[in-house]
Amino acid sequence: MLFVSESAKNKIEAIKKEQNLSPETFVRVTVAGGGCSGLSYKMDFDSELKPEDQQFEDKGIKLVTDLRSFLYICNTTLDFSDGLNGKGFEFKNPNASRTCACGESFAV
């Protein structure tokens, strides 16, 4: 399962409204090699499902990931922070053994 915090839900809904995205549009999360810790997250809006996609819905937000990425991000929560030290979207990944200082890459 993938999860969405309340603040991430609100921000995703706001972006979808600002960009006039269709209700069928979902958030695609993938993991790719790279970053200072070895693996990095990628997040985009998409509306086209692929055969091996894993689909989840939390708080009315549909999250989709490919099977390989899901092995790295199972039970991860997508969060959003916009405070003084806010970084924007952030992944709270219980599978990560370490993360870089910026929080954009991780290792398992």
N, C-alpha and C. Protein backbone atom coordinates (compact mmCIF):
# COMPACT_ATOMS: atom_id res chain seq x y z
N MET A 1 0.84 -1.18 0.00
CA MET A 1 0.00 0.00 0.00
C MET A 1 0.88 1.24 0.00
N LEU A 2 0.40 2.29 -0.64
CA LEU A 2 1.01 3.61 -0.58
C LEU A 2 0.00 4.54 0.07
N PHE A 3 0.50 5.50 0.83
CA PHE A 3 -0.37 6.39 1.60
C PHE A 3 -0.11 7.85 1.25
N VAL A 4 -1.09 8.69 1.55
CA VAL A 4 -1.00 10.13 1.30
C VAL A 4 -1.38 10.85 2.58
N SER A 5 -0.54 11.80 3.01
CA SER A 5 -0.89 12.60 4.19
C SER A 5 -1.97 13.61 3.79
N GLU A 6 -2.61 14.18 4.76
CA GLU A 6 -3.65 15.18 4.50
C GLU A 6 -3.08 16.39 3.75
N SER A 7 -1.88 16.83 4.15
CA SER A 7 -1.28 17.99 3.48
C SER A 7 -0.91 17.67 2.03
N ALA A 8 -0.44 16.46 1.75
CA ALA A 8 -0.13 16.07 0.37
C ALA A 8 -1.41 15.99 -0.45
N LYS A 9 -2.45 15.45 0.14
CA LYS A 9 -3.75 15.37 -0.55
C LYS A 9 -4.21 16.75 -0.96
N ASN A 10 -4.16 17.70 -0.04
CA ASN A 10 -4.61 19.06 -0.33
C ASN A 10 -3.78 19.70 -1.44
N LYS A 11 -2.47 19.50 -1.40
CA LYS A 11 -1.60 20.10 -2.42
C LYS A 11 -1.83 19.45 -3.79
N ILE A 12 -1.98 18.14 -3.83
CA ILE A 12 -2.24 17.45 -5.10
C ILE A 12 -3.55 17.93 -5.70
N GLU A 13 -4.59 18.05 -4.88
CA GLU A 13 -5.88 18.54 -5.38
C GLU A 13 -5.75 19.96 -5.91
N ALA A 14 -4.98 20.80 -5.21
CA ALA A 14 -4.78 22.19 -5.65
C ALA A 14 -4.05 22.24 -6.99
N ILE A 15 -3.01 21.43 -7.15
CA ILE A 15 -2.25 21.40 -8.40
C ILE A 15 -3.12 20.91 -9.55
N LYS A 16 -3.90 19.86 -9.29
CA LYS A 16 -4.78 19.33 -10.34
C LYS A 16 -5.78 20.40 -10.78
N LYS A 17 -6.29 21.17 -9.83
CA LYS A 17 -7.25 22.22 -10.15
C LYS A 17 -6.55 23.35 -10.92
N GLU A 18 -5.39 23.78 -10.46
CA GLU A 18 -4.64 24.86 -11.12
C GLU A 18 -4.28 24.49 -12.56
N GLN A 19 -3.90 23.23 -12.78
CA GLN A 19 -3.49 22.80 -14.10
C GLN A 19 -4.64 22.24 -14.93
N ASN A 20 -5.85 22.32 -14.37
CA ASN A 20 -7.05 21.86 -15.05
C ASN A 20 -6.91 20.42 -15.54
N LEU A 21 -6.40 19.55 -14.67
CA LEU A 21 -6.22 18.13 -15.00
C LEU A 21 -7.53 17.38 -14.82
N SER A 22 -7.74 16.37 -15.62
CA SER A 22 -8.98 15.60 -15.57
C SER A 22 -9.06 14.79 -14.27
N PRO A 23 -10.26 14.44 -13.86
CA PRO A 23 -10.43 13.63 -12.65
C PRO A 23 -9.77 12.26 -12.75
N GLU A 24 -9.53 11.76 -13.97
CA GLU A 24 -8.88 10.46 -14.16
C GLU A 24 -7.37 10.53 -13.96
N THR A 25 -6.83 11.73 -13.86
CA THR A 25 -5.38 11.90 -13.68
C THR A 25 -4.98 11.39 -12.31
N PHE A 26 -3.89 10.65 -12.26
CA PHE A 26 -3.39 10.10 -11.00
C PHE A 26 -1.93 10.49 -10.81
N VAL A 27 -1.40 10.19 -9.63
CA VAL A 27 -0.01 10.46 -9.32
C VAL A 27 0.79 9.19 -9.57
N ARG A 28 1.78 9.29 -10.45
CA ARG A 28 2.67 8.16 -10.71
C ARG A 28 3.96 8.36 -9.93
N VAL A 29 4.32 7.37 -9.12
CA VAL A 29 5.54 7.40 -8.32
C VAL A 29 6.46 6.30 -8.82
N THR A 30 7.70 6.64 -9.12
CA THR A 30 8.68 5.64 -9.55
C THR A 30 9.98 5.83 -8.78
N VAL A 31 10.77 4.79 -8.78
CA VAL A 31 12.09 4.81 -8.17
C VAL A 31 13.10 4.53 -9.27
N ALA A 32 14.14 5.35 -9.32
CA ALA A 32 15.18 5.19 -10.33
C ALA A 32 16.54 5.22 -9.66
N GLY A 33 17.53 4.62 -10.29
CA GLY A 33 18.88 4.69 -9.79
C GLY A 33 19.39 6.11 -9.90
N GLY A 34 20.13 6.54 -8.88
CA GLY A 34 20.70 7.88 -8.91
C GLY A 34 20.57 8.57 -7.58
N GLY A 35 21.02 9.79 -7.52
CA GLY A 35 20.99 10.54 -6.28
C GLY A 35 22.17 10.17 -5.41
N CYS A 36 22.39 10.94 -4.37
CA CYS A 36 23.58 10.72 -3.54
C CYS A 36 23.47 9.48 -2.65
N SER A 37 22.27 8.90 -2.50
CA SER A 37 22.14 7.69 -1.70
C SER A 37 21.91 6.43 -2.53
N GLY A 38 21.83 6.57 -3.84
CA GLY A 38 21.72 5.40 -4.70
C GLY A 38 20.42 5.25 -5.45
N LEU A 39 19.30 5.63 -4.84
CA LEU A 39 17.99 5.54 -5.47
C LEU A 39 17.28 6.87 -5.28
N SER A 40 16.49 7.27 -6.26
CA SER A 40 15.76 8.53 -6.11
C SER A 40 14.30 8.35 -6.51
N TYR A 41 13.46 9.20 -5.94
CA TYR A 41 12.03 9.17 -6.21
C TYR A 41 11.72 10.08 -7.40
N LYS A 42 10.69 9.70 -8.14
CA LYS A 42 10.18 10.55 -9.20
C LYS A 42 8.66 10.53 -9.08
N MET A 43 8.06 11.70 -9.21
CA MET A 43 6.62 11.81 -9.07
C MET A 43 6.09 12.69 -10.21
N ASP A 44 5.07 12.20 -10.92
CA ASP A 44 4.47 12.94 -12.03
C ASP A 44 2.96 12.68 -12.03
N PHE A 45 2.25 13.52 -12.75
CA PHE A 45 0.85 13.24 -13.02
C PHE A 45 0.79 12.44 -14.31
N ASP A 46 -0.15 11.49 -14.36
CA ASP A 46 -0.28 10.61 -15.52
C ASP A 46 -1.75 10.23 -15.64
N SER A 47 -2.14 9.74 -16.78
CA SER A 47 -3.51 9.25 -16.96
C SER A 47 -3.54 7.95 -17.75
N GLU A 48 -2.37 7.37 -18.00
CA GLU A 48 -2.29 6.14 -18.77
C GLU A 48 -1.70 5.01 -17.92
N LEU A 49 -2.50 3.98 -17.69
CA LEU A 49 -2.04 2.83 -16.92
C LEU A 49 -1.23 1.89 -17.80
N LYS A 50 -0.26 1.24 -17.19
CA LYS A 50 0.56 0.24 -17.88
C LYS A 50 0.21 -1.13 -17.32
N PRO A 51 0.48 -2.20 -18.06
CA PRO A 51 0.04 -3.54 -17.65
C PRO A 51 0.46 -3.98 -16.24
N GLU A 52 1.66 -3.67 -15.80
CA GLU A 52 2.10 -4.15 -14.49
C GLU A 52 2.00 -3.10 -13.39
N ASP A 53 1.22 -2.04 -13.62
CA ASP A 53 1.07 -0.99 -12.61
C ASP A 53 0.36 -1.51 -11.37
N GLN A 54 0.81 -1.03 -10.25
CA GLN A 54 0.18 -1.29 -8.97
C GLN A 54 -0.61 -0.03 -8.62
N GLN A 55 -1.89 -0.18 -8.30
CA GLN A 55 -2.75 0.98 -8.06
C GLN A 55 -3.21 1.01 -6.60
N PHE A 56 -3.17 2.20 -6.02
CA PHE A 56 -3.59 2.39 -4.64
C PHE A 56 -4.39 3.69 -4.56
N GLU A 57 -5.28 3.75 -3.58
CA GLU A 57 -6.01 4.99 -3.35
C GLU A 57 -6.06 5.25 -1.86
N ASP A 58 -5.72 6.48 -1.48
CA ASP A 58 -5.77 6.89 -0.08
C ASP A 58 -6.28 8.33 -0.04
N LYS A 59 -7.27 8.57 0.81
CA LYS A 59 -7.86 9.90 0.97
C LYS A 59 -8.36 10.47 -0.35
N GLY A 60 -8.79 9.59 -1.26
CA GLY A 60 -9.32 10.03 -2.54
C GLY A 60 -8.27 10.33 -3.59
N ILE A 61 -7.00 10.11 -3.28
CA ILE A 61 -5.91 10.33 -4.22
C ILE A 61 -5.44 8.98 -4.75
N LYS A 62 -5.42 8.84 -6.08
CA LYS A 62 -4.97 7.60 -6.70
C LYS A 62 -3.47 7.68 -6.94
N LEU A 63 -2.74 6.70 -6.42
CA LEU A 63 -1.30 6.58 -6.60
C LEU A 63 -1.02 5.33 -7.41
N VAL A 64 -0.13 5.44 -8.38
CA VAL A 64 0.21 4.31 -9.25
C VAL A 64 1.73 4.19 -9.30
N THR A 65 2.21 2.96 -9.26
CA THR A 65 3.64 2.71 -9.38
C THR A 65 3.86 1.41 -10.14
N ASP A 66 5.02 1.29 -10.74
CA ASP A 66 5.33 0.03 -11.40
C ASP A 66 5.75 -0.99 -10.33
N LEU A 67 5.73 -2.26 -10.68
CA LEU A 67 5.99 -3.32 -9.71
C LEU A 67 7.40 -3.23 -9.11
N ARG A 68 8.39 -2.93 -9.95
CA ARG A 68 9.77 -2.84 -9.44
C ARG A 68 9.90 -1.72 -8.41
N SER A 69 9.33 -0.56 -8.71
CA SER A 69 9.39 0.56 -7.78
C SER A 69 8.65 0.24 -6.49
N PHE A 70 7.53 -0.47 -6.61
CA PHE A 70 6.74 -0.79 -5.42
C PHE A 70 7.55 -1.60 -4.40
N LEU A 71 8.45 -2.44 -4.87
CA LEU A 71 9.27 -3.23 -3.95
C LEU A 71 10.11 -2.33 -3.04
N TYR A 72 10.46 -1.13 -3.51
CA TYR A 72 11.26 -0.19 -2.73
C TYR A 72 10.40 0.76 -1.87
N ILE A 73 9.14 0.99 -2.29
CA ILE A 73 8.35 2.02 -1.61
C ILE A 73 7.08 1.49 -0.93
N CYS A 74 6.97 0.18 -0.78
CA CYS A 74 5.82 -0.40 -0.09
C CYS A 74 5.65 0.25 1.28
N ASN A 75 4.44 0.65 1.61
CA ASN A 75 4.07 1.29 2.89
C ASN A 75 4.66 2.69 3.07
N THR A 76 5.03 3.34 1.98
CA THR A 76 5.55 4.70 2.03
C THR A 76 4.40 5.70 2.05
N THR A 77 4.59 6.81 2.76
CA THR A 77 3.61 7.88 2.81
C THR A 77 4.16 9.09 2.06
N LEU A 78 3.36 9.62 1.15
CA LEU A 78 3.68 10.85 0.46
C LEU A 78 3.19 12.00 1.33
N ASP A 79 4.09 12.91 1.68
CA ASP A 79 3.76 14.04 2.54
C ASP A 79 4.09 15.34 1.82
N PHE A 80 3.59 16.44 2.34
CA PHE A 80 3.90 17.76 1.78
C PHE A 80 4.07 18.74 2.92
N SER A 81 5.13 19.54 2.83
CA SER A 81 5.40 20.55 3.85
C SER A 81 5.66 21.88 3.16
N ASP A 82 5.02 22.93 3.65
CA ASP A 82 5.25 24.25 3.07
C ASP A 82 5.60 25.28 4.14
N GLY A 83 6.12 24.83 5.26
CA GLY A 83 6.52 25.74 6.34
C GLY A 83 7.81 26.45 6.01
N LEU A 84 8.38 27.13 7.00
CA LEU A 84 9.62 27.87 6.79
C LEU A 84 10.75 26.97 6.30
N ASN A 85 10.80 25.75 6.80
CA ASN A 85 11.82 24.80 6.37
C ASN A 85 11.25 23.77 5.40
N GLY A 86 10.08 24.05 4.85
CA GLY A 86 9.39 23.10 3.98
C GLY A 86 10.17 22.79 2.72
N LYS A 87 10.05 21.54 2.30
CA LYS A 87 10.76 21.06 1.12
C LYS A 87 9.79 20.75 -0.01
N GLY A 88 8.52 20.89 0.19
CA GLY A 88 7.55 20.45 -0.82
C GLY A 88 7.16 19.02 -0.53
N PHE A 89 7.03 18.21 -1.59
CA PHE A 89 6.66 16.82 -1.40
C PHE A 89 7.84 16.04 -0.84
N GLU A 90 7.51 15.10 0.04
CA GLU A 90 8.53 14.29 0.70
C GLU A 90 7.98 12.88 0.87
N PHE A 91 8.84 11.89 0.71
CA PHE A 91 8.45 10.50 0.87
C PHE A 91 8.93 10.00 2.23
N LYS A 92 8.01 9.48 3.03
CA LYS A 92 8.37 8.89 4.32
C LYS A 92 8.36 7.38 4.11
N ASN A 93 9.56 6.86 3.86
CA ASN A 93 9.73 5.48 3.43
C ASN A 93 10.29 4.63 4.56
N PRO A 94 9.49 3.72 5.13
CA PRO A 94 9.98 2.87 6.21
C PRO A 94 11.02 1.84 5.77
N ASN A 95 11.17 1.65 4.46
CA ASN A 95 12.13 0.68 3.93
C ASN A 95 13.52 1.26 3.73
N ALA A 96 13.64 2.57 3.80
CA ALA A 96 14.92 3.23 3.54
C ALA A 96 15.87 3.04 4.73
N SER A 97 17.06 2.52 4.45
CA SER A 97 18.06 2.35 5.52
C SER A 97 18.82 3.66 5.75
N ARG A 98 18.87 4.50 4.72
CA ARG A 98 19.45 5.84 4.86
C ARG A 98 18.89 6.73 3.76
N THR A 99 18.88 8.03 4.05
CA THR A 99 18.46 9.00 3.06
C THR A 99 19.49 10.13 3.02
N CYS A 100 19.48 10.85 1.93
CA CYS A 100 20.41 11.98 1.83
C CYS A 100 19.82 13.16 2.59
N ALA A 101 20.59 14.19 2.79
CA ALA A 101 20.15 15.36 3.56
C ALA A 101 18.96 16.05 2.92
N CYS A 102 18.89 16.04 1.60
CA CYS A 102 17.77 16.73 0.93
C CYS A 102 16.51 15.87 0.92
N GLY A 103 16.61 14.58 1.22
CA GLY A 103 15.45 13.70 1.26
C GLY A 103 14.97 13.22 -0.10
N GLU A 104 15.72 13.51 -1.15
CA GLU A 104 15.29 13.13 -2.49
C GLU A 104 15.86 11.79 -2.95
N SER A 105 16.79 11.24 -2.20
CA SER A 105 17.31 9.92 -2.56
C SER A 105 17.45 9.07 -1.30
N PHE A 106 17.55 7.77 -1.52
CA PHE A 106 17.57 6.84 -0.39
C PHE A 106 18.30 5.56 -0.77
N ALA A 107 18.53 4.73 0.22
CA ALA A 107 19.11 3.40 0.01
C ALA A 107 18.31 2.41 0.85
N VAL A 108 18.27 1.16 0.40
CA VAL A 108 17.58 0.11 1.16
C VAL A 108 18.57 -0.96 1.55
